[in-house]
PDB file of N, CA and C in Angstrom:
ATOM      1  N   MET A   1       0.839  -1.178   0.000  1.00  0.00           N
ATOM      2  CA  MET A   1       0.000   0.000   0.000  1.00  0.00           C
ATOM      3  C   MET A   1       0.886   1.244   0.000  1.00  0.00           C
ATOM      4  N   ALA A   2       0.574   2.204  -0.815  1.00  0.00           N
ATOM      5  CA  ALA A   2       1.367   3.430  -0.912  1.00  0.00           C
ATOM      6  C   ALA A   2       1.146   4.295   0.317  1.00  0.00           C
ATOM      7  N   GLU A   3       2.237   4.906   0.755  1.00  0.00           N
ATOM      8  CA  GLU A   3       2.161   5.787   1.908  1.00  0.00           C
ATOM      9  C   GLU A   3       1.716   7.177   1.463  1.00  0.00           C
ATOM     10  N   ILE A   4       0.811   7.773   2.186  1.00  0.00           N
ATOM     11  CA  ILE A   4       0.315   9.110   1.860  1.00  0.00           C
ATOM     12  C   ILE A   4       1.209  10.134   2.545  1.00  0.00           C
ATOM     13  N   GLU A   5       1.693  11.095   1.765  1.00  0.00           N
ATOM     14  CA  GLU A   5       2.536  12.152   2.313  1.00  0.00           C
ATOM     15  C   GLU A   5       1.660  13.166   3.038  1.00  0.00           C
ATOM     16  N   THR A   6       2.029  13.475   4.270  1.00  0.00           N
ATOM     17  CA  THR A   6       1.254  14.450   5.033  1.00  0.00           C
ATOM     18  C   THR A   6       1.824  15.842   4.820  1.00  0.00           C
ATOM     19  N   GLU A   7       0.967  16.806   4.862  1.00  0.00           N
ATOM     20  CA  GLU A   7       1.345  18.205   4.687  1.00  0.00           C
ATOM     21  C   GLU A   7       2.007  18.697   5.964  1.00  0.00           C
ATOM     22  N   LYS A   8       3.266  19.148   5.871  1.00  0.00           N
ATOM     23  CA  LYS A   8       4.007  19.598   7.040  1.00  0.00           C
ATOM     24  C   LYS A   8       4.021  21.115   7.173  1.00  0.00           C
ATOM     25  N   ARG A   9       3.511  21.805   6.209  1.00  0.00           N
ATOM     26  CA  ARG A   9       3.525  23.268   6.234  1.00  0.00           C
ATOM     27  C   ARG A   9       2.360  23.799   7.064  1.00  0.00           C
ATOM     28  N   GLY A  10       2.579  24.970   7.658  1.00  0.00           N
ATOM     29  CA  GLY A  10       1.511  25.616   8.408  1.00  0.00           C
ATOM     30  C   GLY A  10       0.421  26.158   7.504  1.00  0.00           C
ATOM     31  N   VAL A  11       0.800  26.522   6.273  1.00  0.00           N
ATOM     32  CA  VAL A  11      -0.140  27.066   5.293  1.00  0.00           C
ATOM     33  C   VAL A  11      -0.061  26.202   4.036  1.00  0.00           C
ATOM     34  N   PRO A  12      -1.161  25.575   3.624  1.00  0.00           N
ATOM     35  CA  PRO A  12      -1.116  24.743   2.416  1.00  0.00           C
ATOM     36  C   PRO A  12      -0.780  25.568   1.177  1.00  0.00           C
ATOM     37  N   ARG A  13      -0.057  24.936   0.253  1.00  0.00           N
ATOM     38  CA  ARG A  13       0.290  25.607  -1.001  1.00  0.00           C
ATOM     39  C   ARG A  13      -0.717  25.263  -2.076  1.00  0.00           C
ATOM     40  N   ARG A  14      -0.914  26.200  -2.983  1.00  0.00           N
ATOM     41  CA  ARG A  14      -1.847  26.050  -4.098  1.00  0.00           C
ATOM     42  C   ARG A  14      -1.048  25.666  -5.338  1.00  0.00           C
ATOM     43  N   THR A  15      -1.482  24.621  -6.047  1.00  0.00           N
ATOM     44  CA  THR A  15      -0.825  24.204  -7.280  1.00  0.00           C
ATOM     45  C   THR A  15      -0.972  25.289  -8.330  1.00  0.00           C
ATOM     46  N   THR A  16       0.129  25.575  -9.026  1.00  0.00           N
ATOM     47  CA  THR A  16       0.123  26.621 -10.041  1.00  0.00           C
ATOM     48  C   THR A  16       1.130  26.270 -11.124  1.00  0.00           C
ATOM     49  N   LEU A  17       1.141  27.017 -12.173  1.00  0.00           N
ATOM     50  CA  LEU A  17       2.093  26.835 -13.265  1.00  0.00           C
ATOM     51  C   LEU A  17       2.406  28.218 -13.838  1.00  0.00           C
ATOM     52  N   LYS A  18       3.178  28.998 -13.058  1.00  0.00           N
ATOM     53  CA  LYS A  18       3.507  30.371 -13.450  1.00  0.00           C
ATOM     54  C   LYS A  18       4.980  30.457 -13.818  1.00  0.00           C
ATOM     55  N   SER A  19       5.289  31.332 -14.752  1.00  0.00           N
ATOM     56  CA  SER A  19       6.700  31.572 -15.057  1.00  0.00           C
ATOM     57  C   SER A  19       7.228  32.626 -14.099  1.00  0.00           C
ATOM     58  N   GLY A  20       8.491  32.486 -13.756  1.00  0.00           N
ATOM     59  CA  GLY A  20       9.122  33.430 -12.855  1.00  0.00           C
ATOM     60  C   GLY A  20      10.594  33.587 -13.173  1.00  0.00           C
ATOM     61  N   LYS A  21      11.236  34.474 -12.441  1.00  0.00           N
ATOM     62  CA  LYS A  21      12.673  34.684 -12.586  1.00  0.00           C
ATOM     63  C   LYS A  21      13.303  34.734 -11.203  1.00  0.00           C
ATOM     64  N   ILE A  22      14.420  34.027 -11.062  1.00  0.00           N
ATOM     65  CA  ILE A  22      15.248  34.091  -9.868  1.00  0.00           C
ATOM     66  C   ILE A  22      16.265  35.195 -10.137  1.00  0.00           C
ATOM     67  N   VAL A  23      16.277  36.216  -9.287  1.00  0.00           N
ATOM     68  CA  VAL A  23      17.131  37.385  -9.507  1.00  0.00           C
ATOM     69  C   VAL A  23      18.105  37.506  -8.331  1.00  0.00           C
ATOM     70  N   PHE A  24      19.406  37.649  -8.648  1.00  0.00           N
ATOM     71  CA  PHE A  24      20.427  37.784  -7.612  1.00  0.00           C
ATOM     72  C   PHE A  24      21.609  38.575  -8.166  1.00  0.00           C
ATOM     73  N   ASN A  25      22.654  38.715  -7.354  1.00  0.00           N
ATOM     74  CA  ASN A  25      23.847  39.449  -7.775  1.00  0.00           C
ATOM     75  C   ASN A  25      23.485  40.905  -8.098  1.00  0.00           C
ATOM     76  N   ALA A  26      22.747  41.526  -7.179  1.00  0.00           N
ATOM     77  CA  ALA A  26      22.310  42.927  -7.332  1.00  0.00           C
ATOM     78  C   ALA A  26      21.548  43.155  -8.631  1.00  0.00           C
ATOM     79  N   GLY A  27      20.776  42.142  -9.046  1.00  0.00           N
ATOM     80  CA  GLY A  27      19.953  42.261 -10.244  1.00  0.00           C
ATOM     81  C   GLY A  27      20.677  41.972 -11.544  1.00  0.00           C
ATOM     82  N   ARG A  28      21.976  41.652 -11.470  1.00  0.00           N
ATOM     83  CA  ARG A  28      22.748  41.397 -12.687  1.00  0.00           C
ATOM     84  C   ARG A  28      22.622  39.964 -13.187  1.00  0.00           C
ATOM     85  N   SER A  29      22.124  39.050 -12.358  1.00  0.00           N
ATOM     86  CA  SER A  29      21.988  37.648 -12.755  1.00  0.00           C
ATOM     87  C   SER A  29      20.543  37.207 -12.610  1.00  0.00           C
ATOM     88  N   THR A  30      20.038  36.491 -13.614  1.00  0.00           N
ATOM     89  CA  THR A  30      18.675  35.952 -13.557  1.00  0.00           C
ATOM     90  C   THR A  30      18.665  34.522 -14.069  1.00  0.00           C
ATOM     91  N   ILE A  31      17.757  33.735 -13.530  1.00  0.00           N
ATOM     92  CA  ILE A  31      17.532  32.357 -13.959  1.00  0.00           C
ATOM     93  C   ILE A  31      16.030  32.175 -14.100  1.00  0.00           C
ATOM     94  N   ASP A  32      15.596  31.672 -15.246  1.00  0.00           N
ATOM     95  CA  ASP A  32      14.173  31.396 -15.448  1.00  0.00           C
ATOM     96  C   ASP A  32      13.742  30.218 -14.584  1.00  0.00           C
ATOM     97  N   CYS A  33      12.506  30.258 -14.110  1.00  0.00           N
ATOM     98  CA  CYS A  33      11.956  29.155 -13.326  1.00  0.00           C
ATOM     99  C   CYS A  33      10.460  29.043 -13.589  1.00  0.00           C
ATOM    100  N   THR A  34       9.900  27.936 -13.145  1.00  0.00           N
ATOM    101  CA  THR A  34       8.457  27.727 -13.168  1.00  0.00           C
ATOM    102  C   THR A  34       8.000  27.527 -11.733  1.00  0.00           C
ATOM    103  N   VAL A  35       6.994  28.272 -11.309  1.00  0.00           N
ATOM    104  CA  VAL A  35       6.440  28.137  -9.962  1.00  0.00           C
ATOM    105  C   VAL A  35       5.407  27.021 -10.008  1.00  0.00           C
ATOM    106  N   ARG A  36       5.677  25.923  -9.288  1.00  0.00           N
ATOM    107  CA  ARG A  36       4.806  24.749  -9.308  1.00  0.00           C
ATOM    108  C   ARG A  36       3.730  24.792  -8.238  1.00  0.00           C
ATOM    109  N   ASN A  37       4.059  25.358  -7.077  1.00  0.00           N
ATOM    110  CA  ASN A  37       3.027  25.605  -6.074  1.00  0.00           C
ATOM    111  C   ASN A  37       3.412  26.831  -5.268  1.00  0.00           C
ATOM    112  N   LEU A  38       2.396  27.417  -4.625  1.00  0.00           N
ATOM    113  CA  LEU A  38       2.572  28.741  -4.045  1.00  0.00           C
ATOM    114  C   LEU A  38       1.678  28.902  -2.823  1.00  0.00           C
ATOM    115  N   SER A  39       2.204  29.566  -1.805  1.00  0.00           N
ATOM    116  CA  SER A  39       1.413  29.948  -0.636  1.00  0.00           C
ATOM    117  C   SER A  39       1.874  31.339  -0.218  1.00  0.00           C
ATOM    118  N   PRO A  40       1.200  31.951   0.738  1.00  0.00           N
ATOM    119  CA  PRO A  40       1.669  33.258   1.207  1.00  0.00           C
ATOM    120  C   PRO A  40       3.060  33.198   1.854  1.00  0.00           C
ATOM    121  N   LYS A  41       3.514  31.999   2.252  1.00  0.00           N
ATOM    122  CA  LYS A  41       4.793  31.878   2.961  1.00  0.00           C
ATOM    123  C   LYS A  41       5.918  31.261   2.149  1.00  0.00           C
ATOM    124  N   GLY A  42       5.621  30.679   0.974  1.00  0.00           N
ATOM    125  CA  GLY A  42       6.689  30.043   0.211  1.00  0.00           C
ATOM    126  C   GLY A  42       6.213  29.469  -1.105  1.00  0.00           C
ATOM    127  N   ALA A  43       7.147  28.761  -1.780  1.00  0.00           N
ATOM    128  CA  ALA A  43       6.840  28.219  -3.103  1.00  0.00           C
ATOM    129  C   ALA A  43       7.778  27.067  -3.434  1.00  0.00           C
ATOM    130  N   LYS A  44       7.369  26.274  -4.411  1.00  0.00           N
ATOM    131  CA  LYS A  44       8.231  25.250  -4.998  1.00  0.00           C
ATOM    132  C   LYS A  44       8.523  25.684  -6.422  1.00  0.00           C
ATOM    133  N   LEU A  45       9.822  25.766  -6.760  1.00  0.00           N
ATOM    134  CA  LEU A  45      10.250  26.244  -8.064  1.00  0.00           C
ATOM    135  C   LEU A  45      10.902  25.118  -8.851  1.00  0.00           C
ATOM    136  N   LEU A  46      10.634  25.084 -10.134  1.00  0.00           N
ATOM    137  CA  LEU A  46      11.268  24.138 -11.047  1.00  0.00           C
ATOM    138  C   LEU A  46      12.273  24.915 -11.888  1.00  0.00           C
ATOM    139  N   VAL A  47      13.526  24.427 -11.937  1.00  0.00           N
ATOM    140  CA  VAL A  47      14.599  25.081 -12.691  1.00  0.00           C
ATOM    141  C   VAL A  47      15.318  24.038 -13.540  1.00  0.00           C
ATOM    142  N   ASN A  48      16.119  24.481 -14.509  1.00  0.00           N
ATOM    143  CA  ASN A  48      16.903  23.540 -15.314  1.00  0.00           C
ATOM    144  C   ASN A  48      17.986  22.872 -14.485  1.00  0.00           C
ATOM    145  N   SER A  49      18.564  23.599 -13.540  1.00  0.00           N
ATOM    146  CA  SER A  49      19.597  23.086 -12.639  1.00  0.00           C
ATOM    147  C   SER A  49      19.662  23.998 -11.425  1.00  0.00           C
ATOM    148  N   VAL A  50      19.937  23.421 -10.260  1.00  0.00           N
ATOM    149  CA  VAL A  50      20.068  24.231  -9.047  1.00  0.00           C
ATOM    150  C   VAL A  50      21.483  24.785  -8.883  1.00  0.00           C
ATOM    151  N   VAL A  51      22.400  24.356  -9.739  1.00  0.00           N
ATOM    152  CA  VAL A  51      23.793  24.797  -9.655  1.00  0.00           C
ATOM    153  C   VAL A  51      23.877  26.308  -9.881  1.00  0.00           C
ATOM    154  N   GLY A  52      24.570  26.986  -8.993  1.00  0.00           N
ATOM    155  CA  GLY A  52      24.781  28.421  -9.134  1.00  0.00           C
ATOM    156  C   GLY A  52      23.702  29.302  -8.534  1.00  0.00           C
ATOM    157  N   ILE A  53      22.645  28.702  -8.006  1.00  0.00           N
ATOM    158  CA  ILE A  53      21.581  29.502  -7.385  1.00  0.00           C
ATOM    159  C   ILE A  53      21.951  29.734  -5.917  1.00  0.00           C
ATOM    160  N   PRO A  54      22.054  30.997  -5.486  1.00  0.00           N
ATOM    161  CA  PRO A  54      22.455  31.284  -4.104  1.00  0.00           C
ATOM    162  C   PRO A  54      21.347  30.952  -3.102  1.00  0.00           C
ATOM    163  N   GLU A  55      21.711  30.924  -1.829  1.00  0.00           N
ATOM    164  CA  GLU A  55      20.760  30.601  -0.760  1.00  0.00           C
ATOM    165  C   GLU A  55      19.644  31.634  -0.639  1.00  0.00           C
ATOM    166  N   THR A  56      19.933  32.883  -0.944  1.00  0.00           N
ATOM    167  CA  THR A  56      18.912  33.934  -0.908  1.00  0.00           C
ATOM    168  C   THR A  56      18.883  34.647  -2.252  1.00  0.00           C
ATOM    169  N   PHE A  57      17.695  35.027  -2.672  1.00  0.00           N
ATOM    170  CA  PHE A  57      17.501  35.711  -3.952  1.00  0.00           C
ATOM    171  C   PHE A  57      16.118  36.331  -3.959  1.00  0.00           C
ATOM    172  N   ASP A  58      15.801  37.064  -5.020  1.00  0.00           N
ATOM    173  CA  ASP A  58      14.453  37.600  -5.210  1.00  0.00           C
ATOM    174  C   ASP A  58      13.750  36.776  -6.275  1.00  0.00           C
ATOM    175  N   LEU A  59      12.489  36.468  -6.058  1.00  0.00           N
ATOM    176  CA  LEU A  59      11.654  35.787  -7.039  1.00  0.00           C
ATOM    177  C   LEU A  59      10.745  36.835  -7.670  1.00  0.00           C
ATOM    178  N   VAL A  60      10.819  36.949  -8.990  1.00  0.00           N
ATOM    179  CA  VAL A  60       9.990  37.912  -9.712  1.00  0.00           C
ATOM    180  C   VAL A  60       8.894  37.142 -10.435  1.00  0.00           C
ATOM    181  N   LEU A  61       7.640  37.483 -10.129  1.00  0.00           N
ATOM    182  CA  LEU A  61       6.479  36.862 -10.765  1.00  0.00           C
ATOM    183  C   LEU A  61       5.750  37.902 -11.596  1.00  0.00           C
ATOM    184  N   ASP A  62       5.177  37.463 -12.678  1.00  0.00           N
ATOM    185  CA  ASP A  62       4.375  38.342 -13.537  1.00  0.00           C
ATOM    186  C   ASP A  62       5.159  39.567 -14.014  1.00  0.00           C
ATOM    187  N   GLY A  63       6.480  39.464 -14.036  1.00  0.00           N
ATOM    188  CA  GLY A  63       7.304  40.545 -14.538  1.00  0.00           C
ATOM    189  C   GLY A  63       7.465  41.741 -13.626  1.00  0.00           C
ATOM    190  N   HIS A  64       6.778  41.760 -12.471  1.00  0.00           N
ATOM    191  CA  HIS A  64       6.869  42.950 -11.616  1.00  0.00           C
ATOM    192  C   HIS A  64       6.849  42.656 -10.128  1.00  0.00           C
ATOM    193  N   SER A  65       6.139  41.644  -9.681  1.00  0.00           N
ATOM    194  CA  SER A  65       6.040  41.327  -8.260  1.00  0.00           C
ATOM    195  C   SER A  65       7.352  40.680  -7.793  1.00  0.00           C
ATOM    196  N   ARG A  66       8.065  41.338  -6.876  1.00  0.00           N
ATOM    197  CA  ARG A  66       9.384  40.871  -6.429  1.00  0.00           C
ATOM    198  C   ARG A  66       9.294  40.425  -4.973  1.00  0.00           C
ATOM    199  N   GLN A  67       9.685  39.167  -4.702  1.00  0.00           N
ATOM    200  CA  GLN A  67       9.576  38.604  -3.364  1.00  0.00           C
ATOM    201  C   GLN A  67      10.933  38.053  -2.918  1.00  0.00           C
ATOM    202  N   PRO A  68      11.515  38.578  -1.826  1.00  0.00           N
ATOM    203  CA  PRO A  68      12.767  38.023  -1.304  1.00  0.00           C
ATOM    204  C   PRO A  68      12.541  36.588  -0.812  1.00  0.00           C
ATOM    205  N   CYS A  69      13.477  35.678  -1.133  1.00  0.00           N
ATOM    206  CA  CYS A  69      13.338  34.254  -0.798  1.00  0.00           C
ATOM    207  C   CYS A  69      14.603  33.708  -0.151  1.00  0.00           C
ATOM    208  N   ARG A  70      14.412  32.622   0.582  1.00  0.00           N
ATOM    209  CA  ARG A  70      15.518  31.844   1.142  1.00  0.00           C
ATOM    210  C   ARG A  70      15.248  30.384   0.816  1.00  0.00           C
ATOM    211  N   ILE A  71      16.262  29.672   0.318  1.00  0.00           N
ATOM    212  CA  ILE A  71      16.094  28.258  -0.022  1.00  0.00           C
ATOM    213  C   ILE A  71      15.999  27.431   1.252  1.00  0.00           C
ATOM    214  N   ILE A  72      14.975  26.578   1.319  1.00  0.00           N
ATOM    215  CA  ILE A  72      14.772  25.658   2.433  1.00  0.00           C
ATOM    216  C   ILE A  72      15.296  24.272   2.062  1.00  0.00           C
ATOM    217  N   TRP A  73      15.048  23.858   0.828  1.00  0.00           N
ATOM    218  CA  TRP A  73      15.556  22.575   0.325  1.00  0.00           C
ATOM    219  C   TRP A  73      15.791  22.691  -1.170  1.00  0.00           C
ATOM    220  N   ARG A  74      16.638  21.793  -1.690  1.00  0.00           N
ATOM    221  CA  ARG A  74      16.867  21.751  -3.131  1.00  0.00           C
ATOM    222  C   ARG A  74      17.117  20.316  -3.565  1.00  0.00           C
ATOM    223  N   ARG A  75      16.641  20.009  -4.765  1.00  0.00           N
ATOM    224  CA  ARG A  75      16.868  18.715  -5.408  1.00  0.00           C
ATOM    225  C   ARG A  75      17.451  19.002  -6.780  1.00  0.00           C
ATOM    226  N   LEU A  76      17.558  18.012  -7.642  1.00  0.00           N
ATOM    227  CA  LEU A  76      18.192  18.198  -8.952  1.00  0.00           C
ATOM    228  C   LEU A  76      17.651  19.389  -9.727  1.00  0.00           C
ATOM    229  N   LYS A  77      16.324  19.478  -9.842  1.00  0.00           N
ATOM    230  CA  LYS A  77      15.714  20.545 -10.636  1.00  0.00           C
ATOM    231  C   LYS A  77      14.596  21.266  -9.894  1.00  0.00           C
ATOM    232  N   GLU A  78      14.552  21.115  -8.572  1.00  0.00           N
ATOM    233  CA  GLU A  78      13.494  21.744  -7.779  1.00  0.00           C
ATOM    234  C   GLU A  78      14.093  22.465  -6.582  1.00  0.00           C
ATOM    235  N   ILE A  79      13.434  23.538  -6.203  1.00  0.00           N
ATOM    236  CA  ILE A  79      13.847  24.317  -5.035  1.00  0.00           C
ATOM    237  C   ILE A  79      12.603  24.650  -4.221  1.00  0.00           C
ATOM    238  N   GLY A  80      12.681  24.432  -2.921  1.00  0.00           N
ATOM    239  CA  GLY A  80      11.639  24.883  -2.008  1.00  0.00           C
ATOM    240  C   GLY A  80      12.114  26.154  -1.335  1.00  0.00           C
ATOM    241  N   VAL A  81      11.320  27.213  -1.417  1.00  0.00           N
ATOM    242  CA  VAL A  81      11.733  28.490  -0.835  1.00  0.00           C
ATOM    243  C   VAL A  81      10.730  28.994   0.190  1.00  0.00           C
ATOM    244  N   GLU A  82      11.259  29.759   1.118  1.00  0.00           N
ATOM    245  CA  GLU A  82      10.452  30.460   2.113  1.00  0.00           C
ATOM    246  C   GLU A  82      10.559  31.943   1.787  1.00  0.00           C
ATOM    247  N   PHE A  83       9.439  32.632   1.785  1.00  0.00           N
ATOM    248  CA  PHE A  83       9.460  34.073   1.544  1.00  0.00           C
ATOM    249  C   PHE A  83       9.963  34.778   2.795  1.00  0.00           C
ATOM    250  N   ARG A  84      10.871  35.715   2.601  1.00  0.00           N
ATOM    251  CA  ARG A  84      11.445  36.480   3.706  1.00  0.00           C
ATOM    252  C   ARG A  84      10.758  37.829   3.790  1.00  0.00           C
ATOM    253  N   THR A  85      10.723  38.369   4.984  1.00  0.00           N
ATOM    254  CA  THR A  85      10.217  39.731   5.152  1.00  0.00           C
ATOM    255  C   THR A  85      11.413  40.630   5.382  1.00  0.00           C
ATOM    256  N   GLU A  86      11.463  41.723   4.668  1.00  0.00           N
ATOM    257  CA  GLU A  86      12.577  42.661   4.813  1.00  0.00           C
ATOM    258  C   GLU A  86      12.228  43.687   5.875  1.00  0.00           C
ATOM    259  N   HIS A  87      13.196  43.999   6.697  1.00  0.00           N
ATOM    260  CA  HIS A  87      12.996  44.993   7.763  1.00  0.00           C
ATOM    261  C   HIS A  87      13.782  46.226   7.437  1.00  0.00           C
TER     262      HIS A  87
END
């Protein structure tokens, strides 16, 4: 019998398929990504490779919405991020 994965997040994520950009290096470096799921506190991103992506970066959605992020986990082509609040 297959084991059911339980949701460990405080806020459930909504499945989505949005294009985004990972922006770092003071805006001089960008990597295209696909947002696979999204919540007010974080997201799962699909990328061609996780190599070279720093621990913190900005996620740009819809070409204008910019959200500071911190990587929580990474796999071959996926990244789980937590949205940071800037003070």
